[in-house]
Amino acid sequence: MSKETKNPETEPENQEEVKETAEAQTEKEEEKKPKKEKKESKKDKKAEEIKELEEKLKAQKDSYMRLAAEYDNYRKRTANEKLSIYNDATAKAVEELLPVADSMQMALQSLKDAPEEVKKGIELVSQQLDKSFEKLKIEGFGEIGDDFNPEIHNAVSKIESEDLGENKISQVFQKGYKIGDKVIRHAMVQVANCD
């Protein structure tokens, strides 16, 4: 049997020397490559870096646009909520004043034989009440001849009349009021020529 002997001159002493030798060989091979290939590989790396940066920028822009849209929706929603709260509070306060408005309407209708000063006084108070409602954006509705709308009118009776068209209001027992689209009180009416 023959024994293999280790030759210390041919084997590297440690692993670091092996790595250094491999790196030196790689550098030599790279130096042998034509300069054109080196430039192309650098261009490829730069193009990849640019592409990555563009993707990051696109993602950031998308995130920003989503945040801006969310903020805009939040702003609109809170503005609508504030307006709704204001309208609800105004409607609740005006609801307490509606009996006064009704009394003013009845007083105006029964002033035929009253002295002129009394008529002017009640008309003035009625006008002030109407202006106050106007400032609060309270609208009255329910006039004779209007089309009947079950969403805002409360029909308490019906009649047949040749003077009025189909589904027309023939008499108003109590005027209706609304703020925006919110009905504070439905108008109590009589409807002509309805089915």
Protein backbone atom coordinates (compact mmCIF):
# COMPACT_ATOMS: atom_id res chain seq x y z
CA MET A 1 0.00 0.00 0.00
CA SER A 2 1.23 3.32 -0.87
CA LYS A 3 0.58 6.28 1.30
CA GLU A 4 -0.32 9.60 -0.11
CA THR A 5 1.77 12.31 1.25
CA LYS A 6 0.66 15.86 1.61
CA ASN A 7 2.78 18.43 -0.01
CA PRO A 8 2.68 21.63 2.01
CA GLU A 9 3.91 23.69 -0.92
CA THR A 10 0.95 22.80 -3.18
CA GLU A 11 -1.91 23.20 -0.63
CA PRO A 12 -2.92 26.65 0.63
CA GLU A 13 -2.47 27.18 4.31
CA ASN A 14 -5.98 28.40 5.01
CA GLN A 15 -9.30 29.25 3.39
CA GLU A 16 -8.58 32.98 3.14
CA GLU A 17 -5.83 32.38 0.68
CA VAL A 18 -8.24 30.35 -1.45
CA LYS A 19 -10.76 33.23 -1.48
CA GLU A 20 -8.09 35.77 -2.36
CA THR A 21 -6.91 33.61 -5.19
CA ALA A 22 -10.46 33.20 -6.55
CA GLU A 23 -11.13 36.95 -6.35
CA ALA A 24 -7.90 37.70 -8.15
CA GLN A 25 -8.85 35.30 -10.92
CA THR A 26 -12.32 36.91 -11.25
CA GLU A 27 -10.77 40.38 -11.51
CA LYS A 28 -8.38 39.19 -14.17
CA GLU A 29 -11.28 37.69 -16.16
CA GLU A 30 -13.24 40.96 -15.87
CA GLU A 31 -10.25 42.91 -17.11
CA LYS A 32 -10.07 40.58 -20.09
CA LYS A 33 -13.72 41.35 -21.00
CA PRO A 34 -14.07 44.06 -23.56
CA LYS A 35 -14.93 47.53 -22.27
CA LYS A 36 -18.13 47.51 -24.25
CA GLU A 37 -19.56 44.64 -22.20
CA LYS A 38 -18.66 46.47 -18.97
CA LYS A 39 -20.51 49.59 -20.15
CA GLU A 40 -23.56 47.55 -21.13
CA SER A 41 -23.70 45.84 -17.75
CA LYS A 42 -23.46 49.22 -16.01
CA LYS A 43 -26.25 50.55 -18.24
CA ASP A 44 -28.39 47.52 -17.41
CA LYS A 45 -27.84 48.08 -13.70
CA LYS A 46 -28.75 51.77 -14.02
CA ALA A 47 -31.84 50.92 -16.06
CA GLU A 48 -32.94 48.45 -13.37
CA GLU A 49 -32.34 51.03 -10.64
CA ILE A 50 -34.35 53.61 -12.58
CA LYS A 51 -37.16 51.13 -13.10
CA GLU A 52 -37.24 50.30 -9.37
CA LEU A 53 -37.28 54.00 -8.47
CA GLU A 54 -40.10 54.66 -10.95
CA GLU A 55 -42.14 51.83 -9.40
CA LYS A 56 -41.56 53.24 -5.92
CA LEU A 57 -42.58 56.71 -7.13
CA LYS A 58 -45.71 55.28 -8.74
CA ALA A 59 -46.62 53.47 -5.51
CA GLN A 60 -46.09 56.67 -3.48
CA LYS A 61 -48.16 58.70 -5.93
CA ASP A 62 -50.96 56.12 -5.78
CA SER A 63 -50.85 56.19 -1.98
CA TYR A 64 -50.99 60.00 -2.00
CA MET A 65 -53.95 60.06 -4.41
CA ARG A 66 -55.87 57.57 -2.25
CA LEU A 67 -55.18 59.63 0.87
CA ALA A 68 -56.31 62.82 -0.89
CA ALA A 69 -59.54 61.11 -2.02
CA GLU A 70 -60.20 59.78 1.47
CA TYR A 71 -59.69 63.25 2.95
CA ASP A 72 -62.02 64.81 0.37
CA ASN A 73 -64.71 62.23 1.17
CA TYR A 74 -64.23 62.85 4.90
CA ARG A 75 -64.53 66.62 4.40
CA LYS A 76 -67.74 66.26 2.37
CA ARG A 77 -69.23 63.77 4.82
CA THR A 78 -68.56 66.00 7.85
CA ALA A 79 -69.95 69.06 6.03
CA ASN A 80 -73.14 67.12 5.25
CA GLU A 81 -73.36 65.90 8.85
CA LYS A 82 -72.99 69.47 10.16
CA LEU A 83 -75.68 70.71 7.79
CA SER A 84 -77.96 67.84 8.80
CA ILE A 85 -77.45 68.59 12.50
CA TYR A 86 -78.17 72.28 11.88
CA ASN A 87 -81.31 71.46 9.88
CA ASP A 88 -82.53 69.04 12.57
CA ALA A 89 -81.99 71.59 15.35
CA THR A 90 -83.65 74.36 13.34
CA ALA A 91 -86.60 72.11 12.49
CA LYS A 92 -87.04 71.20 16.16
CA ALA A 93 -87.05 74.89 17.20
CA VAL A 94 -89.37 75.96 14.38
CA GLU A 95 -91.76 73.14 15.21
CA GLU A 96 -92.46 74.92 18.50
CA LEU A 97 -93.21 78.18 16.62
CA LEU A 98 -95.64 76.68 14.12
CA PRO A 99 -98.71 77.10 16.38
CA VAL A 100 -97.88 80.83 16.51
CA ALA A 101 -97.67 80.92 12.69
CA ASP A 102 -101.04 79.13 12.48
CA SER A 103 -102.59 81.61 14.91
CA MET A 104 -101.25 84.50 12.82
CA GLN A 105 -102.82 83.00 9.68
CA MET A 106 -106.20 82.62 11.41
CA ALA A 107 -105.96 86.15 12.81
CA LEU A 108 -105.28 87.56 9.33
CA GLN A 109 -108.29 85.70 7.92
CA SER A 110 -110.64 87.03 10.60
CA LEU A 111 -109.61 90.72 10.41
CA LYS A 112 -112.40 91.84 8.09
CA ASP A 113 -114.26 93.96 10.65
CA ALA A 114 -111.25 94.91 12.81
CA PRO A 115 -109.98 98.53 13.08
CA GLU A 116 -107.24 99.52 10.59
CA GLU A 117 -104.54 99.83 13.30
CA VAL A 118 -105.17 96.28 14.50
CA LYS A 119 -104.99 94.95 10.93
CA LYS A 120 -101.65 96.71 10.33
CA GLY A 121 -100.23 95.46 13.62
CA ILE A 122 -101.12 91.82 12.97
CA GLU A 123 -99.90 92.05 9.35
CA LEU A 124 -96.60 93.50 10.58
CA VAL A 125 -96.10 90.67 13.10
CA SER A 126 -97.00 88.11 10.43
CA GLN A 127 -94.45 89.63 8.02
CA GLN A 128 -91.75 89.55 10.71
CA LEU A 129 -92.48 85.88 11.38
CA ASP A 130 -92.29 85.13 7.64
CA LYS A 131 -88.94 86.96 7.36
CA SER A 132 -87.59 85.02 10.33
CA PHE A 133 -88.61 81.76 8.65
CA GLU A 134 -86.99 82.94 5.42
CA LYS A 135 -83.68 83.69 7.20
CA LEU A 136 -83.77 80.20 8.70
CA LYS A 137 -84.49 78.79 5.20
CA ILE A 138 -87.88 77.49 6.28
CA GLU A 139 -90.28 77.17 3.35
CA GLY A 140 -94.05 77.04 3.63
CA PHE A 141 -96.05 74.91 1.20
CA GLY A 142 -99.58 73.80 0.55
CA GLU A 143 -101.50 76.33 -1.54
CA ILE A 144 -104.87 75.93 -3.25
CA GLY A 145 -104.34 74.74 -6.82
CA ASP A 146 -101.01 72.98 -6.16
CA ASP A 147 -100.57 69.36 -7.25
CA PHE A 148 -101.16 66.88 -4.45
CA ASN A 149 -97.94 65.14 -3.36
CA PRO A 150 -98.40 62.42 -0.71
CA GLU A 151 -94.79 62.85 0.44
CA ILE A 152 -95.42 66.40 1.69
CA HIS A 153 -99.23 66.68 1.89
CA ASN A 154 -101.61 64.94 4.26
CA ALA A 155 -105.00 64.49 2.54
CA VAL A 156 -107.79 64.55 5.12
CA SER A 157 -110.70 64.72 2.66
CA LYS A 158 -111.54 64.71 -1.03
CA ILE A 159 -114.14 66.36 -3.24
CA GLU A 160 -115.20 66.35 -6.87
CA SER A 161 -114.83 69.76 -8.52
CA GLU A 162 -115.14 70.92 -12.11
CA ASP A 163 -113.15 74.09 -11.34
CA LEU A 164 -109.95 72.23 -10.41
CA GLY A 165 -107.98 69.59 -12.27
CA GLU A 166 -107.22 66.05 -11.17
CA ASN A 167 -105.29 65.63 -7.88
CA LYS A 168 -105.27 69.36 -7.12
CA ILE A 169 -105.44 70.88 -3.64
CA SER A 170 -108.87 72.46 -3.15
CA GLN A 171 -108.53 73.62 0.47
CA VAL A 172 -105.69 74.02 2.99
CA PHE A 173 -106.55 73.29 6.62
CA GLN A 174 -102.99 73.63 7.92
CA LYS A 175 -99.96 74.93 6.02
CA GLY A 176 -96.89 72.68 5.73
CA TYR A 177 -93.28 73.68 6.38
CA LYS A 178 -89.91 72.23 5.39
CA ILE A 179 -86.21 73.03 5.62
CA GLY A 180 -84.31 71.84 2.57
CA ASP A 181 -85.67 68.36 1.84
CA LYS A 182 -86.67 67.72 5.46
CA VAL A 183 -90.39 68.13 6.10
CA ILE A 184 -91.06 69.78 9.47
CA ARG A 185 -94.83 69.45 9.20
CA HIS A 186 -96.98 68.02 6.40
CA ALA A 187 -99.66 70.26 4.94
CA MET A 188 -103.17 69.18 5.89
CA VAL A 189 -105.25 69.52 2.72
CA GLN A 190 -108.39 68.61 0.84
CA VAL A 191 -107.83 67.06 -2.60
CA ALA A 192 -110.07 67.49 -5.61
CA ASN A 193 -110.84 64.84 -8.24
CA CYS A 194 -108.63 62.08 -6.87
CA ASP A 195 -109.10 58.33 -7.17
